[in-house]
Amino acid sequence: MEKATQDFLEIKDIKEGVTILKNNSIRGILMVSSINFALKSVDEQSAIIYAFQNFLNSLDFTCQIVIQSRNINITPYLDNIRALEQSQTNELLKTQTASYVEFIKELVKGENVMVKSFYVVIPYTPVEILGVGASIKELKDEDFQKCKIQLWQRMEFLATGLKRCDLNAVPLTTPELIELFWSTHHPNEAENGYYPEILPELLK
């Protein structure tokens, strides 16, 4: 009997911006901005390194830093520009738009256009709040809410610490988490801009 893909995933459910694993531990995910470190002055670089060192030393819980690289399909973008070109009534603008399309095509010729996304995964286990002897065979809604509050506190702490390093961090919502996990396991479809429809009851 063949197993479904879901059988190999650790994720049991996603709700209220929280990922619930099969062992009933939970995860929150922050999407983090980036900075061009090389363009900073020596003093600015030193300040960022010092702030990040202090941030790491302030943590009393584990977290995971994930960097995701993904190919970008620029064909839809070029199609939109071509459509704009056809709609231009000014011949000069029409010519400039056509030149821009050729410039972009030449710029990326023979190369993959990549985008990098940065995430911080924050864990929390029911045992931390319910006690070692607590049964976690099933995470009841009341227990989930208690754990969620503790998880959000950790996420806010992390976001504040990263802000001191000139990095902005925002928590992923339920639809964003679904899209992230789906695109991770369906990179080709995501590259072509296809994403599955998310049911209304999941948009919470």
C-alpha atoms as a PDB file:
ATOM      1  CA  MET A   1       0.000   0.000   0.000  1.00  0.00           C
ATOM      2  CA  GLU A   2       1.476   3.304  -1.093  1.00  0.00           C
ATOM      3  CA  LYS A   3       1.715   6.079   1.447  1.00  0.00           C
ATOM      4  CA  ALA A   4       0.599   9.631   0.797  1.00  0.00           C
ATOM      5  CA  THR A   5       3.119  12.473   0.898  1.00  0.00           C
ATOM      6  CA  GLN A   6       1.532  13.725   4.128  1.00  0.00           C
ATOM      7  CA  ASP A   7       2.578  10.507   5.853  1.00  0.00           C
ATOM      8  CA  PHE A   8       6.220  11.520   5.491  1.00  0.00           C
ATOM      9  CA  LEU A   9       5.751  15.065   6.784  1.00  0.00           C
ATOM     10  CA  GLU A  10       6.091  15.981  10.434  1.00  0.00           C
ATOM     11  CA  ILE A  11       3.319  18.572  10.168  1.00  0.00           C
ATOM     12  CA  LYS A  12      -0.064  17.613  11.581  1.00  0.00           C
ATOM     13  CA  ASP A  13      -1.915  20.911  11.333  1.00  0.00           C
ATOM     14  CA  ILE A  14      -1.517  24.648  10.791  1.00  0.00           C
ATOM     15  CA  LYS A  15      -3.818  27.067  12.584  1.00  0.00           C
ATOM     16  CA  GLU A  16      -3.735  30.606  13.930  1.00  0.00           C
ATOM     17  CA  GLY A  17      -0.293  31.150  12.426  1.00  0.00           C
ATOM     18  CA  VAL A  18       1.137  28.159  14.299  1.00  0.00           C
ATOM     19  CA  THR A  19       2.487  24.902  12.865  1.00  0.00           C
ATOM     20  CA  ILE A  20       1.564  21.818  14.931  1.00  0.00           C
ATOM     21  CA  LEU A  21       3.786  18.769  14.535  1.00  0.00           C
ATOM     22  CA  LYS A  22       2.753  15.154  14.925  1.00  0.00           C
ATOM     23  CA  ASN A  23       4.432  14.967  18.340  1.00  0.00           C
ATOM     24  CA  ASN A  24       2.214  17.936  19.373  1.00  0.00           C
ATOM     25  CA  SER A  25       5.104  20.378  19.678  1.00  0.00           C
ATOM     26  CA  ILE A  26       4.473  23.679  17.905  1.00  0.00           C
ATOM     27  CA  ARG A  27       6.470  26.013  15.707  1.00  0.00           C
ATOM     28  CA  GLY A  28       6.253  29.679  14.792  1.00  0.00           C
ATOM     29  CA  ILE A  29       8.092  31.089  11.796  1.00  0.00           C
ATOM     30  CA  LEU A  30       9.401  34.613  11.335  1.00  0.00           C
ATOM     31  CA  MET A  31      10.277  35.928   7.903  1.00  0.00           C
ATOM     32  CA  VAL A  32      13.351  38.129   8.238  1.00  0.00           C
ATOM     33  CA  SER A  33      14.555  40.930   6.003  1.00  0.00           C
ATOM     34  CA  SER A  34      18.130  41.163   4.753  1.00  0.00           C
ATOM     35  CA  ILE A  35      20.772  43.885   4.682  1.00  0.00           C
ATOM     36  CA  ASN A  36      23.653  44.482   2.312  1.00  0.00           C
ATOM     37  CA  PHE A  37      26.419  44.018   4.851  1.00  0.00           C
ATOM     38  CA  ALA A  38      29.190  44.703   2.309  1.00  0.00           C
ATOM     39  CA  LEU A  39      27.906  48.229   1.657  1.00  0.00           C
ATOM     40  CA  LYS A  40      28.062  49.163   5.341  1.00  0.00           C
ATOM     41  CA  SER A  41      30.991  51.124   6.734  1.00  0.00           C
ATOM     42  CA  VAL A  42      33.485  49.366   8.993  1.00  0.00           C
ATOM     43  CA  ASP A  43      31.928  50.968  12.071  1.00  0.00           C
ATOM     44  CA  GLU A  44      28.416  49.956  10.971  1.00  0.00           C
ATOM     45  CA  GLN A  45      29.556  46.389  10.315  1.00  0.00           C
ATOM     46  CA  SER A  46      31.146  46.191  13.762  1.00  0.00           C
ATOM     47  CA  ALA A  47      27.978  47.527  15.379  1.00  0.00           C
ATOM     48  CA  ILE A  48      25.817  44.948  13.565  1.00  0.00           C
ATOM     49  CA  ILE A  49      28.148  42.081  14.515  1.00  0.00           C
ATOM     50  CA  TYR A  50      28.188  43.224  18.160  1.00  0.00           C
ATOM     51  CA  ALA A  51      24.377  43.541  18.217  1.00  0.00           C
ATOM     52  CA  PHE A  52      23.947  40.083  16.683  1.00  0.00           C
ATOM     53  CA  GLN A  53      26.398  38.578  19.171  1.00  0.00           C
ATOM     54  CA  ASN A  54      24.428  40.094  22.052  1.00  0.00           C
ATOM     55  CA  PHE A  55      21.214  38.831  20.481  1.00  0.00           C
ATOM     56  CA  LEU A  56      22.506  35.253  20.300  1.00  0.00           C
ATOM     57  CA  ASN A  57      23.820  35.396  23.875  1.00  0.00           C
ATOM     58  CA  SER A  58      20.408  36.586  25.107  1.00  0.00           C
ATOM     59  CA  LEU A  59      18.575  33.487  23.857  1.00  0.00           C
ATOM     60  CA  ASP A  60      17.568  30.894  26.434  1.00  0.00           C
ATOM     61  CA  PHE A  61      15.785  28.672  23.916  1.00  0.00           C
ATOM     62  CA  THR A  62      16.723  27.059  20.629  1.00  0.00           C
ATOM     63  CA  CYS A  63      15.787  28.383  17.214  1.00  0.00           C
ATOM     64  CA  GLN A  64      16.598  27.480  13.634  1.00  0.00           C
ATOM     65  CA  ILE A  65      17.745  29.828  10.866  1.00  0.00           C
ATOM     66  CA  VAL A  66      16.588  28.738   7.409  1.00  0.00           C
ATOM     67  CA  ILE A  67      17.741  30.256   4.111  1.00  0.00           C
ATOM     68  CA  GLN A  68      15.682  29.323   1.067  1.00  0.00           C
ATOM     69  CA  SER A  69      16.947  29.948  -2.467  1.00  0.00           C
ATOM     70  CA  ARG A  70      14.454  29.737  -5.275  1.00  0.00           C
ATOM     71  CA  ASN A  71      14.509  30.269  -9.022  1.00  0.00           C
ATOM     72  CA  ILE A  72      12.308  33.058 -10.310  1.00  0.00           C
ATOM     73  CA  ASN A  73      10.447  32.648 -13.554  1.00  0.00           C
ATOM     74  CA  ILE A  74      10.478  36.116 -15.142  1.00  0.00           C
ATOM     75  CA  THR A  75       8.375  35.071 -18.172  1.00  0.00           C
ATOM     76  CA  PRO A  76       5.088  36.400 -16.689  1.00  0.00           C
ATOM     77  CA  TYR A  77       6.851  39.695 -15.910  1.00  0.00           C
ATOM     78  CA  LEU A  78       8.144  40.008 -19.477  1.00  0.00           C
ATOM     79  CA  ASP A  79       4.679  39.117 -20.828  1.00  0.00           C
ATOM     80  CA  ASN A  80       3.194  41.983 -18.816  1.00  0.00           C
ATOM     81  CA  ILE A  81       5.820  44.390 -20.156  1.00  0.00           C
ATOM     82  CA  ARG A  82       5.126  43.247 -23.733  1.00  0.00           C
ATOM     83  CA  ALA A  83       1.397  43.811 -23.164  1.00  0.00           C
ATOM     84  CA  LEU A  84       2.241  47.311 -21.902  1.00  0.00           C
ATOM     85  CA  GLU A  85       4.329  47.855 -25.008  1.00  0.00           C
ATOM     86  CA  GLN A  86       1.412  46.948 -27.275  1.00  0.00           C
ATOM     87  CA  SER A  87      -0.919  49.310 -25.423  1.00  0.00           C
ATOM     88  CA  GLN A  88       1.418  52.300 -25.735  1.00  0.00           C
ATOM     89  CA  THR A  89       0.143  55.032 -28.040  1.00  0.00           C
ATOM     90  CA  ASN A  90       3.329  57.068 -27.821  1.00  0.00           C
ATOM     91  CA  GLU A  91       5.859  55.645 -30.301  1.00  0.00           C
ATOM     92  CA  LEU A  92       8.836  56.762 -28.221  1.00  0.00           C
ATOM     93  CA  LEU A  93       7.510  55.033 -25.109  1.00  0.00           C
ATOM     94  CA  LYS A  94       6.692  51.971 -27.187  1.00  0.00           C
ATOM     95  CA  THR A  95      10.269  51.804 -28.473  1.00  0.00           C
ATOM     96  CA  GLN A  96      11.713  52.322 -24.986  1.00  0.00           C
ATOM     97  CA  THR A  97       9.493  49.565 -23.566  1.00  0.00           C
ATOM     98  CA  ALA A  98      10.634  47.151 -26.280  1.00  0.00           C
ATOM     99  CA  SER A  99      14.258  48.046 -25.549  1.00  0.00           C
ATOM    100  CA  TYR A 100      13.698  47.410 -21.856  1.00  0.00           C
ATOM    101  CA  VAL A 101      12.341  43.913 -22.600  1.00  0.00           C
ATOM    102  CA  GLU A 102      15.428  43.116 -24.690  1.00  0.00           C
ATOM    103  CA  PHE A 103      17.681  44.524 -21.953  1.00  0.00           C
ATOM    104  CA  ILE A 104      16.119  42.260 -19.303  1.00  0.00           C
ATOM    105  CA  LYS A 105      16.323  39.210 -21.592  1.00  0.00           C
ATOM    106  CA  GLU A 106      20.007  39.877 -22.265  1.00  0.00           C
ATOM    107  CA  LEU A 107      20.699  40.565 -18.592  1.00  0.00           C
ATOM    108  CA  VAL A 108      19.450  37.148 -17.465  1.00  0.00           C
ATOM    109  CA  LYS A 109      20.536  35.221 -20.556  1.00  0.00           C
ATOM    110  CA  GLY A 110      21.996  31.854 -19.609  1.00  0.00           C
ATOM    111  CA  GLU A 111      21.630  32.525 -15.896  1.00  0.00           C
ATOM    112  CA  ASN A 112      19.073  31.549 -13.294  1.00  0.00           C
ATOM    113  CA  VAL A 113      17.495  34.432 -11.458  1.00  0.00           C
ATOM    114  CA  MET A 114      17.482  33.512  -7.799  1.00  0.00           C
ATOM    115  CA  VAL A 115      15.773  35.017  -4.790  1.00  0.00           C
ATOM    116  CA  LYS A 116      16.752  34.271  -1.212  1.00  0.00           C
ATOM    117  CA  SER A 117      14.313  34.264   1.686  1.00  0.00           C
ATOM    118  CA  PHE A 118      15.330  34.155   5.332  1.00  0.00           C
ATOM    119  CA  TYR A 119      13.332  32.563   8.141  1.00  0.00           C
ATOM    120  CA  VAL A 120      13.717  31.872  11.835  1.00  0.00           C
ATOM    121  CA  VAL A 121      11.849  28.841  13.186  1.00  0.00           C
ATOM    122  CA  ILE A 122      10.915  29.035  16.878  1.00  0.00           C
ATOM    123  CA  PRO A 123       9.912  25.853  18.732  1.00  0.00           C
ATOM    124  CA  TYR A 124       7.766  25.286  21.785  1.00  0.00           C
ATOM    125  CA  THR A 125       6.765  21.997  23.389  1.00  0.00           C
ATOM    126  CA  PRO A 126       3.693  21.438  25.603  1.00  0.00           C
ATOM    127  CA  VAL A 127       5.934  19.834  28.232  1.00  0.00           C
ATOM    128  CA  GLU A 128       7.491  23.259  28.881  1.00  0.00           C
ATOM    129  CA  ILE A 129       4.225  24.641  30.212  1.00  0.00           C
ATOM    130  CA  LEU A 130       2.156  21.577  31.093  1.00  0.00           C
ATOM    131  CA  GLY A 131       4.905  19.743  32.964  1.00  0.00           C
ATOM    132  CA  VAL A 132       6.984  16.664  32.277  1.00  0.00           C
ATOM    133  CA  GLY A 133       4.285  14.276  33.441  1.00  0.00           C
ATOM    134  CA  ALA A 134       1.618  15.830  31.246  1.00  0.00           C
ATOM    135  CA  SER A 135       0.126  13.722  28.492  1.00  0.00           C
ATOM    136  CA  ILE A 136       0.644  15.192  25.049  1.00  0.00           C
ATOM    137  CA  LYS A 137      -1.019  12.450  23.012  1.00  0.00           C
ATOM    138  CA  GLU A 138      -3.582  15.067  22.073  1.00  0.00           C
ATOM    139  CA  LEU A 139      -3.126  18.827  22.277  1.00  0.00           C
ATOM    140  CA  LYS A 140      -6.447  20.183  23.518  1.00  0.00           C
ATOM    141  CA  ASP A 141      -7.538  23.642  22.468  1.00  0.00           C
ATOM    142  CA  GLU A 142      -7.026  25.084  25.950  1.00  0.00           C
ATOM    143  CA  ASP A 143      -3.495  23.707  26.097  1.00  0.00           C
ATOM    144  CA  PHE A 144      -2.825  24.913  22.553  1.00  0.00           C
ATOM    145  CA  GLN A 145      -3.788  28.471  23.508  1.00  0.00           C
ATOM    146  CA  LYS A 146      -1.458  28.385  26.533  1.00  0.00           C
ATOM    147  CA  CYS A 147       1.431  27.132  24.416  1.00  0.00           C
ATOM    148  CA  LYS A 148       0.643  29.631  21.672  1.00  0.00           C
ATOM    149  CA  ILE A 149       0.939  32.548  24.126  1.00  0.00           C
ATOM    150  CA  GLN A 150       4.392  31.339  25.196  1.00  0.00           C
ATOM    151  CA  LEU A 151       5.422  30.822  21.581  1.00  0.00           C
ATOM    152  CA  TRP A 152       4.338  34.334  20.593  1.00  0.00           C
ATOM    153  CA  GLN A 153       6.332  35.770  23.482  1.00  0.00           C
ATOM    154  CA  ARG A 154       9.428  34.042  22.129  1.00  0.00           C
ATOM    155  CA  MET A 155       8.698  35.314  18.637  1.00  0.00           C
ATOM    156  CA  GLU A 156       8.288  38.890  19.891  1.00  0.00           C
ATOM    157  CA  PHE A 157      11.561  38.568  21.810  1.00  0.00           C
ATOM    158  CA  LEU A 158      13.327  37.381  18.672  1.00  0.00           C
ATOM    159  CA  ALA A 159      11.802  40.121  16.515  1.00  0.00           C
ATOM    160  CA  THR A 160      12.936  42.782  18.996  1.00  0.00           C
ATOM    161  CA  GLY A 161      16.464  41.354  19.120  1.00  0.00           C
ATOM    162  CA  LEU A 162      16.713  41.220  15.336  1.00  0.00           C
ATOM    163  CA  LYS A 163      15.440  44.792  15.103  1.00  0.00           C
ATOM    164  CA  ARG A 164      18.538  45.881  17.023  1.00  0.00           C
ATOM    165  CA  CYS A 165      20.560  44.294  14.209  1.00  0.00           C
ATOM    166  CA  ASP A 166      18.686  46.392  11.591  1.00  0.00           C
ATOM    167  CA  LEU A 167      16.621  43.363  10.583  1.00  0.00           C
ATOM    168  CA  ASN A 168      12.837  43.359  10.373  1.00  0.00           C
ATOM    169  CA  ALA A 169      11.002  40.157  11.285  1.00  0.00           C
ATOM    170  CA  VAL A 170       7.311  39.397  10.807  1.00  0.00           C
ATOM    171  CA  PRO A 171       5.413  36.215  11.742  1.00  0.00           C
ATOM    172  CA  LEU A 172       3.963  34.184   8.896  1.00  0.00           C
ATOM    173  CA  THR A 173       0.181  33.826   8.871  1.00  0.00           C
ATOM    174  CA  THR A 174      -1.637  30.546   8.261  1.00  0.00           C
ATOM    175  CA  PRO A 175      -2.005  31.111   4.466  1.00  0.00           C
ATOM    176  CA  GLU A 176       1.650  32.176   4.241  1.00  0.00           C
ATOM    177  CA  LEU A 177       2.764  29.064   6.135  1.00  0.00           C
ATOM    178  CA  ILE A 178       0.701  26.850   3.831  1.00  0.00           C
ATOM    179  CA  GLU A 179       2.225  28.503   0.752  1.00  0.00           C
ATOM    180  CA  LEU A 180       5.747  28.213   2.196  1.00  0.00           C
ATOM    181  CA  PHE A 181       5.482  24.489   2.922  1.00  0.00           C
ATOM    182  CA  TRP A 182       3.668  23.801  -0.349  1.00  0.00           C
ATOM    183  CA  SER A 183       6.253  25.649  -2.453  1.00  0.00           C
ATOM    184  CA  THR A 184       9.084  23.885  -0.589  1.00  0.00           C
ATOM    185  CA  HIS A 185       7.732  20.515  -1.732  1.00  0.00           C
ATOM    186  CA  HIS A 186       6.577  21.754  -5.179  1.00  0.00           C
ATOM    187  CA  PRO A 187       9.451  24.014  -6.347  1.00  0.00           C
ATOM    188  CA  ASN A 188       8.730  23.671 -10.072  1.00  0.00           C
ATOM    189  CA  GLU A 189       5.092  24.707  -9.754  1.00  0.00           C
ATOM    190  CA  ALA A 190       6.013  27.576  -7.423  1.00  0.00           C
ATOM    191  CA  GLU A 191       8.658  28.776  -9.885  1.00  0.00           C
ATOM    192  CA  ASN A 192       5.972  29.010 -12.564  1.00  0.00           C
ATOM    193  CA  GLY A 193       3.766  31.045 -10.236  1.00  0.00           C
ATOM    194  CA  TYR A 194       1.212  28.332  -9.494  1.00  0.00           C
ATOM    195  CA  TYR A 195      -0.139  28.010  -5.960  1.00  0.00           C
ATOM    196  CA  PRO A 196      -3.074  25.901  -4.798  1.00  0.00           C
ATOM    197  CA  GLU A 197      -6.306  27.551  -3.735  1.00  0.00           C
ATOM    198  CA  ILE A 198      -6.518  27.884   0.040  1.00  0.00           C
ATOM    199  CA  LEU A 199      -9.911  27.051   1.519  1.00  0.00           C
ATOM    200  CA  PRO A 200     -11.644  29.948   3.326  1.00  0.00           C
ATOM    201  CA  GLU A 201     -11.780  28.029   6.622  1.00  0.00           C
ATOM    202  CA  LEU A 202      -7.963  27.894   6.600  1.00  0.00           C
ATOM    203  CA  LEU A 203      -7.569  31.658   6.266  1.00  0.00           C
ATOM    204  CA  LYS A 204      -7.384  32.209  10.017  1.00  0.00           C
END
